[in-house]
């Protein structure tokens, strides 16, 4: 009997993202956010103006955060317009960074190394909550996205990233979770 409920429970956890997803949201809010996020992803995938695979999304109480690297300003603007058009979206923060798409294999490896170092530095920091920070790197530019608990956490994550050897710039697009 219990074995029949294990897949259902596992699916529920996947929908919510993680057990900590409920820490400051009700189950209904977490499910609403999952629904909104799926709708935004679908809308981006249907758009000819954006490469949806280059765009990461996070949703918190209807607030959508777009993150990632895109090729042009037009693609950045189009992604924001698509996200804003989705029912249930209350606000869009556009954290997309325009960057040249072509990188050498050496640059890709350098970027991956920097990303690993930044993630490790965030995990060892007492203020920055690494679980809430997504890290992407392109051409030695670090992009930080996600929802944090405080402006202190946001600022500290940026400081930690800037302190990693090889980082040339940091785009800190972390958003402080809105209060009810």
Protein backbone atom coordinates (compact mmCIF):
# COMPACT_ATOMS: atom_id res chain seq x y z
CA UNK A 1 0.00 0.00 0.00
CA UNK A 2 2.72 2.48 0.99
CA UNK A 3 4.68 1.66 -2.15
CA UNK A 4 1.82 3.02 -4.26
CA UNK A 5 2.15 6.40 -2.57
CA UNK A 6 5.92 6.73 -3.04
CA UNK A 7 5.68 7.80 -6.72
CA UNK A 8 2.92 10.27 -5.84
CA UNK A 9 5.00 11.79 -3.04
CA UNK A 10 8.09 11.93 -5.27
CA UNK A 11 6.07 13.71 -7.97
CA UNK A 12 4.79 16.20 -5.42
CA UNK A 13 8.36 17.00 -4.35
CA UNK A 14 9.45 17.42 -7.97
CA UNK A 15 6.59 19.83 -8.60
CA UNK A 16 7.63 21.96 -5.65
CA UNK A 17 11.31 21.83 -6.54
CA UNK A 18 12.42 20.85 -3.06
CA UNK A 19 11.06 20.45 0.46
CA UNK A 20 12.49 23.87 1.34
CA UNK A 21 10.22 25.40 -1.34
CA UNK A 22 7.45 25.45 1.25
CA UNK A 23 9.53 27.25 3.87
CA UNK A 24 7.93 30.63 3.24
CA UNK A 25 5.07 29.79 0.88
CA UNK A 26 1.93 27.81 1.30
CA UNK A 27 1.50 24.63 -0.70
CA UNK A 28 -0.99 26.49 -2.87
CA UNK A 29 1.46 29.31 -3.58
CA UNK A 30 4.20 26.83 -4.46
CA UNK A 31 1.89 25.00 -6.85
CA UNK A 32 0.71 28.30 -8.36
CA UNK A 33 4.34 29.30 -8.92
CA UNK A 34 5.06 25.95 -10.57
CA UNK A 35 2.09 26.45 -12.88
CA UNK A 36 3.11 30.01 -13.78
CA UNK A 37 6.70 28.94 -14.36
CA UNK A 38 5.61 26.11 -16.68
CA UNK A 39 3.35 28.52 -18.61
CA UNK A 40 6.18 31.04 -19.04
CA UNK A 41 8.56 28.29 -20.19
CA UNK A 42 5.98 27.11 -22.72
CA UNK A 43 5.39 30.65 -23.99
CA UNK A 44 9.12 31.23 -24.38
CA UNK A 45 9.48 27.93 -26.24
CA UNK A 46 6.70 28.95 -28.66
CA UNK A 47 8.28 32.34 -29.38
CA UNK A 48 10.41 32.68 -32.50
CA UNK A 49 12.13 35.74 -31.01
CA UNK A 50 13.96 33.94 -28.19
CA UNK A 51 16.04 30.83 -27.60
CA UNK A 52 14.16 29.40 -24.65
CA UNK A 53 16.97 26.95 -23.90
CA UNK A 54 19.22 29.90 -22.97
CA UNK A 55 16.78 31.28 -20.42
CA UNK A 56 16.44 30.12 -16.82
CA UNK A 57 13.33 30.92 -14.83
CA UNK A 58 12.52 31.21 -11.18
CA UNK A 59 9.14 32.11 -9.78
CA UNK A 60 8.25 33.26 -6.29
CA UNK A 61 4.69 34.29 -5.44
CA UNK A 62 3.99 35.27 -9.06
CA UNK A 63 7.26 37.18 -9.47
CA UNK A 64 9.20 35.79 -12.42
CA UNK A 65 12.97 36.15 -12.64
CA UNK A 66 14.55 35.64 -16.07
CA UNK A 67 18.21 34.68 -16.00
CA UNK A 68 20.84 33.57 -18.45
CA UNK A 69 22.86 34.84 -21.37
CA UNK A 70 21.24 35.87 -24.66
CA UNK A 71 22.69 36.99 -27.97
CA UNK A 72 20.97 40.36 -28.52
CA UNK A 73 19.12 43.20 -26.82
CA UNK A 74 16.09 42.33 -28.98
CA UNK A 75 16.05 38.78 -27.61
CA UNK A 76 16.34 40.12 -24.06
CA UNK A 77 13.39 42.48 -24.58
CA UNK A 78 11.29 39.83 -26.34
CA UNK A 79 11.77 37.36 -23.49
CA UNK A 80 10.55 39.94 -20.99
CA UNK A 81 7.47 40.75 -23.09
CA UNK A 82 6.62 37.07 -23.47
CA UNK A 83 6.91 36.49 -19.72
CA UNK A 84 4.77 39.55 -18.92
CA UNK A 85 2.02 38.27 -21.21
CA UNK A 86 1.49 35.06 -19.22
CA UNK A 87 -1.52 34.89 -16.91
CA UNK A 88 -0.54 34.74 -13.24
CA UNK A 89 2.68 36.71 -13.64
CA UNK A 90 2.61 39.68 -11.27
CA UNK A 91 6.10 41.03 -11.98
CA UNK A 92 9.03 40.23 -14.26
CA UNK A 93 12.65 40.92 -13.35
CA UNK A 94 14.78 40.72 -16.47
CA UNK A 95 18.19 39.43 -15.44
CA UNK A 96 19.19 38.37 -18.93
CA UNK A 97 22.68 39.44 -19.95
CA UNK A 98 23.61 40.08 -23.59
CA UNK A 99 26.85 38.33 -24.50
CA UNK A 100 28.52 37.08 -27.64
CA UNK A 101 27.50 33.45 -28.12
CA UNK A 102 30.71 32.11 -29.65
CA UNK A 103 33.32 30.86 -27.19
CA UNK A 104 36.38 28.72 -27.72
CA UNK A 105 36.63 25.37 -25.94
CA UNK A 106 39.25 26.95 -23.69
CA UNK A 107 36.85 29.75 -22.74
CA UNK A 108 34.09 27.24 -22.01
CA UNK A 109 36.42 25.33 -19.69
CA UNK A 110 37.57 28.56 -18.02
CA UNK A 111 33.94 29.58 -17.48
CA UNK A 112 33.07 26.19 -15.99
CA UNK A 113 36.05 26.40 -13.65
CA UNK A 114 35.03 29.88 -12.48
CA UNK A 115 31.43 28.72 -11.99
CA UNK A 116 32.60 25.84 -9.79
CA UNK A 117 34.84 28.14 -7.75
CA UNK A 118 32.05 30.70 -7.25
CA UNK A 119 29.60 27.98 -6.15
CA UNK A 120 32.16 26.58 -3.71
CA UNK A 121 32.87 30.04 -2.29
CA UNK A 122 29.15 30.71 -1.84
CA UNK A 123 28.67 27.36 -0.10
CA UNK A 124 31.41 28.15 2.41
CA UNK A 125 30.15 31.67 3.15
CA UNK A 126 28.05 32.11 6.29
CA UNK A 127 25.88 34.96 4.97
CA UNK A 128 25.23 34.11 1.33
CA UNK A 129 22.75 31.23 1.06
CA UNK A 130 24.17 29.16 -1.81
CA UNK A 131 20.93 27.15 -2.05
CA UNK A 132 19.12 30.27 -3.24
CA UNK A 133 21.75 31.47 -5.73
CA UNK A 134 22.07 30.26 -9.32
CA UNK A 135 25.46 30.84 -10.91
CA UNK A 136 26.20 31.07 -14.62
CA UNK A 137 29.40 32.24 -16.28
CA UNK A 138 30.14 33.39 -19.80
CA UNK A 139 33.42 35.01 -20.84
CA UNK A 140 34.46 35.40 -17.17
CA UNK A 141 31.27 37.33 -16.35
CA UNK A 142 29.35 35.81 -13.45
CA UNK A 143 25.56 36.01 -13.45
CA UNK A 144 23.86 35.52 -10.08
CA UNK A 145 20.10 34.91 -10.12
CA UNK A 146 17.55 33.67 -7.61
CA UNK A 147 15.45 34.89 -4.70
CA UNK A 148 17.18 35.72 -1.42
CA UNK A 149 15.90 36.50 2.05
CA UNK A 150 17.63 39.87 2.47
CA UNK A 151 19.57 42.65 0.82
CA UNK A 152 22.53 41.57 2.98
CA UNK A 153 22.49 38.08 1.40
CA UNK A 154 22.25 39.61 -2.08
CA UNK A 155 25.16 41.99 -1.49
CA UNK A 156 27.30 39.31 0.15
CA UNK A 157 26.77 36.88 -2.75
CA UNK A 158 28.02 39.57 -5.15
CA UNK A 159 31.06 40.26 -2.97
CA UNK A 160 31.90 36.56 -2.73
CA UNK A 161 31.64 36.12 -6.52
CA UNK A 162 33.82 39.19 -7.17
CA UNK A 163 36.48 37.73 -4.89
CA UNK A 164 36.97 34.61 -7.02
CA UNK A 165 40.11 34.61 -9.16
CA UNK A 166 39.35 34.99 -12.87
CA UNK A 167 36.05 36.82 -12.44
CA UNK A 168 36.03 39.99 -14.56
CA UNK A 169 32.53 41.21 -13.74
CA UNK A 170 29.45 40.19 -11.76
CA UNK A 171 25.85 40.75 -12.82
CA UNK A 172 24.04 40.41 -9.49
CA UNK A 173 20.38 40.00 -10.40
CA UNK A 174 19.36 38.37 -7.14
CA UNK A 175 15.93 39.51 -5.98
CA UNK A 176 14.95 39.90 -2.35
CA UNK A 177 11.81 37.88 -1.73
CA UNK A 178 8.78 40.16 -1.59
CA UNK A 179 7.04 40.41 1.76
CA UNK A 180 3.31 39.75 1.97
